[in-house]
Protein backbone atom coordinates (compact mmCIF):
# COMPACT_ATOMS: atom_id res chain seq x y z
CA UNK A 1 19.88 -4.30 1.86
CA UNK A 2 17.83 -6.12 -0.75
CA UNK A 3 14.85 -4.69 -2.60
CA UNK A 4 12.58 -7.12 -0.81
CA UNK A 5 13.69 -5.77 2.58
CA UNK A 6 13.28 -2.21 1.37
CA UNK A 7 9.71 -2.92 0.30
CA UNK A 8 9.01 -4.60 3.61
CA UNK A 9 10.33 -1.64 5.57
CA UNK A 10 8.46 0.83 3.34
CA UNK A 11 5.15 -0.93 3.79
CA UNK A 12 5.76 -1.64 7.51
CA UNK A 13 5.81 -5.41 7.10
CA UNK A 14 9.04 -6.05 9.02
CA UNK A 15 7.87 -7.72 12.22
CA UNK A 16 4.15 -7.71 11.68
CA UNK A 17 2.50 -11.09 11.37
CA UNK A 18 -1.14 -12.01 11.16
CA UNK A 19 -2.27 -14.57 13.63
CA UNK A 20 -5.09 -16.94 12.84
CA UNK A 21 -7.13 -18.06 15.80
CA UNK A 22 -8.83 -21.43 15.35
CA UNK A 23 -12.43 -21.61 16.44
CA UNK A 24 -15.26 -24.00 16.30
CA UNK A 25 -17.97 -22.49 14.13
CA UNK A 26 -20.77 -24.16 16.00
CA UNK A 27 -20.08 -22.51 19.34
CA UNK A 28 -21.80 -19.18 18.87
CA UNK A 29 -21.09 -17.95 22.41
CA UNK A 30 -17.33 -18.14 21.89
CA UNK A 31 -17.58 -16.78 18.36
CA UNK A 32 -18.96 -13.42 19.47
CA UNK A 33 -16.19 -12.86 22.04
CA UNK A 34 -13.18 -13.65 19.88
CA UNK A 35 -12.14 -12.45 16.45
CA UNK A 36 -10.68 -14.91 13.92
CA UNK A 37 -7.79 -12.59 13.06
CA UNK A 38 -5.67 -10.61 15.45
CA UNK A 39 -5.60 -6.89 14.85
CA UNK A 40 -2.67 -5.51 12.87
CA UNK A 41 -0.27 -3.55 15.05
CA UNK A 42 -0.44 0.20 14.46
CA UNK A 43 3.29 0.92 14.69
CA UNK A 44 4.01 2.78 11.47
CA UNK A 45 1.91 4.79 9.07
CA UNK A 46 3.49 4.72 5.63
CA UNK A 47 0.48 5.81 3.64
CA UNK A 48 1.37 8.02 0.70
CA UNK A 49 -1.23 9.84 -1.34
CA UNK A 50 -1.00 8.99 -5.02
CA UNK A 51 -1.48 12.65 -5.91
CA UNK A 52 1.61 13.64 -3.94
CA UNK A 53 3.84 11.29 -5.92
CA UNK A 54 5.35 13.21 -8.79
CA UNK A 55 6.70 11.76 -11.97
CA UNK A 56 9.41 13.52 -13.85
CA UNK A 57 8.06 16.00 -16.37
CA UNK A 58 9.31 16.65 -19.85
CA UNK A 59 9.47 19.82 -21.87
CA UNK A 60 9.47 19.15 -25.60
CA UNK A 61 11.09 21.55 -28.05
CA UNK A 62 9.48 21.61 -31.50
CA UNK A 63 10.26 23.50 -34.68
CA UNK A 64 7.57 22.59 -37.21
CA UNK A 65 8.45 23.17 -40.86
CA UNK A 66 4.92 22.64 -42.24
CA UNK A 67 1.39 22.89 -40.89
CA UNK A 68 1.00 19.09 -40.82
CA UNK A 69 3.55 18.86 -37.98
CA UNK A 70 1.22 20.77 -35.67
CA UNK A 71 -0.54 17.50 -34.88
CA UNK A 72 2.70 16.15 -33.37
CA UNK A 73 2.79 19.13 -31.01
CA UNK A 74 -0.86 18.52 -30.09
CA UNK A 75 -0.07 14.86 -29.32
CA UNK A 76 2.62 15.95 -26.85
CA UNK A 77 0.11 18.25 -25.17
CA UNK A 78 -2.46 15.46 -24.95
CA UNK A 79 0.22 13.34 -23.23
CA UNK A 80 0.54 16.12 -20.61
CA UNK A 81 3.93 17.46 -21.71
CA UNK A 82 4.84 21.11 -22.00
CA UNK A 83 5.94 22.15 -25.49
CA UNK A 84 8.08 25.07 -26.65
CA UNK A 85 7.23 25.81 -30.28
CA UNK A 86 9.71 27.75 -32.44
CA UNK A 87 8.00 29.22 -35.51
CA UNK A 88 10.87 31.37 -36.75
CA UNK A 89 11.69 29.23 -39.79
CA UNK A 90 8.20 28.89 -41.21
CA UNK A 91 6.14 31.20 -43.41
CA UNK A 92 3.98 33.69 -41.54
CA UNK A 93 0.63 32.40 -42.85
CA UNK A 94 1.46 28.80 -41.92
CA UNK A 95 2.80 29.88 -38.52
CA UNK A 96 -0.45 31.70 -37.82
CA UNK A 97 -2.45 28.59 -38.74
CA UNK A 98 -0.28 26.51 -36.38
CA UNK A 99 -0.84 28.97 -33.52
CA UNK A 100 -4.60 28.87 -34.16
CA UNK A 101 -4.59 25.07 -34.15
CA UNK A 102 -2.51 24.90 -30.95
CA UNK A 103 -4.72 27.51 -29.29
CA UNK A 104 -7.73 25.27 -29.90
CA UNK A 105 -5.88 22.22 -28.63
CA UNK A 106 -4.72 23.99 -25.49
CA UNK A 107 -8.23 25.30 -24.85
CA UNK A 108 -9.68 21.79 -25.24
CA UNK A 109 -7.32 20.28 -22.63
CA UNK A 110 -7.62 23.23 -20.23
CA UNK A 111 -4.02 24.32 -20.67
CA UNK A 112 -2.33 27.59 -21.55
CA UNK A 113 -0.38 29.12 -24.43
CA UNK A 114 2.04 32.02 -23.95
CA UNK A 115 4.28 33.93 -26.26
CA UNK A 116 7.80 33.83 -24.82
CA UNK A 117 9.75 35.36 -27.69
CA UNK A 118 9.63 36.46 -31.29
CA UNK A 119 7.63 33.63 -32.93
CA UNK A 120 8.27 31.32 -29.96
CA UNK A 121 5.35 29.97 -27.92
CA UNK A 122 5.06 27.91 -24.74
CA UNK A 123 2.12 25.51 -24.71
CA UNK A 124 1.33 23.84 -21.40
CA UNK A 125 -1.32 21.29 -20.34
CA UNK A 126 -3.44 21.74 -17.23
CA UNK A 127 -0.93 19.95 -14.96
CA UNK A 128 1.81 22.55 -15.59
CA UNK A 129 1.73 25.98 -13.97
CA UNK A 130 3.91 28.74 -15.40
CA UNK A 131 5.07 31.39 -12.95
CA UNK A 132 6.43 34.73 -14.08
CA UNK A 133 6.51 36.38 -17.46
CA UNK A 134 9.02 37.42 -20.06
CA UNK A 135 8.98 41.06 -21.01
CA UNK A 136 9.94 42.02 -24.52
CA UNK A 137 10.25 45.11 -26.59
CA UNK A 138 7.40 45.15 -29.07
CA UNK A 139 8.50 45.78 -32.62
CA UNK A 140 6.40 46.32 -35.70
CA UNK A 141 7.09 42.78 -36.87
CA UNK A 142 5.87 41.27 -33.57
CA UNK A 143 2.63 43.25 -33.69
CA UNK A 144 1.45 41.13 -36.62
CA UNK A 145 0.64 38.31 -34.17
């Protein structure tokens, strides 16, 4: 089955034809009784809401080494992608600045930021819902955040 036939069957165009009825424009009595186009047969309803169509989503894993790379993470969030940010290999003061920057970005787009591990954060835009939570044992080192 060719793509053309698939599109025809999807949009219910298989056997449906429009019929043009010729009329004389100057005969107003006949014009009111007849329509110039025959009505489209109501056999199939293949209407799909655009909101119900889902594109594949991406989750981006980032491990910034310097504060300047936080903008790359923010760009992913602006493009409506979820981002897991690993801050384990960066200095504490720079990691804190990155979390502050990402918190502002997430707030601006209406998303969410969650801590999912030691120095690991999940940043999500407004189109991603996170269900559940990860419990962790709080240590003295984690309380610094």
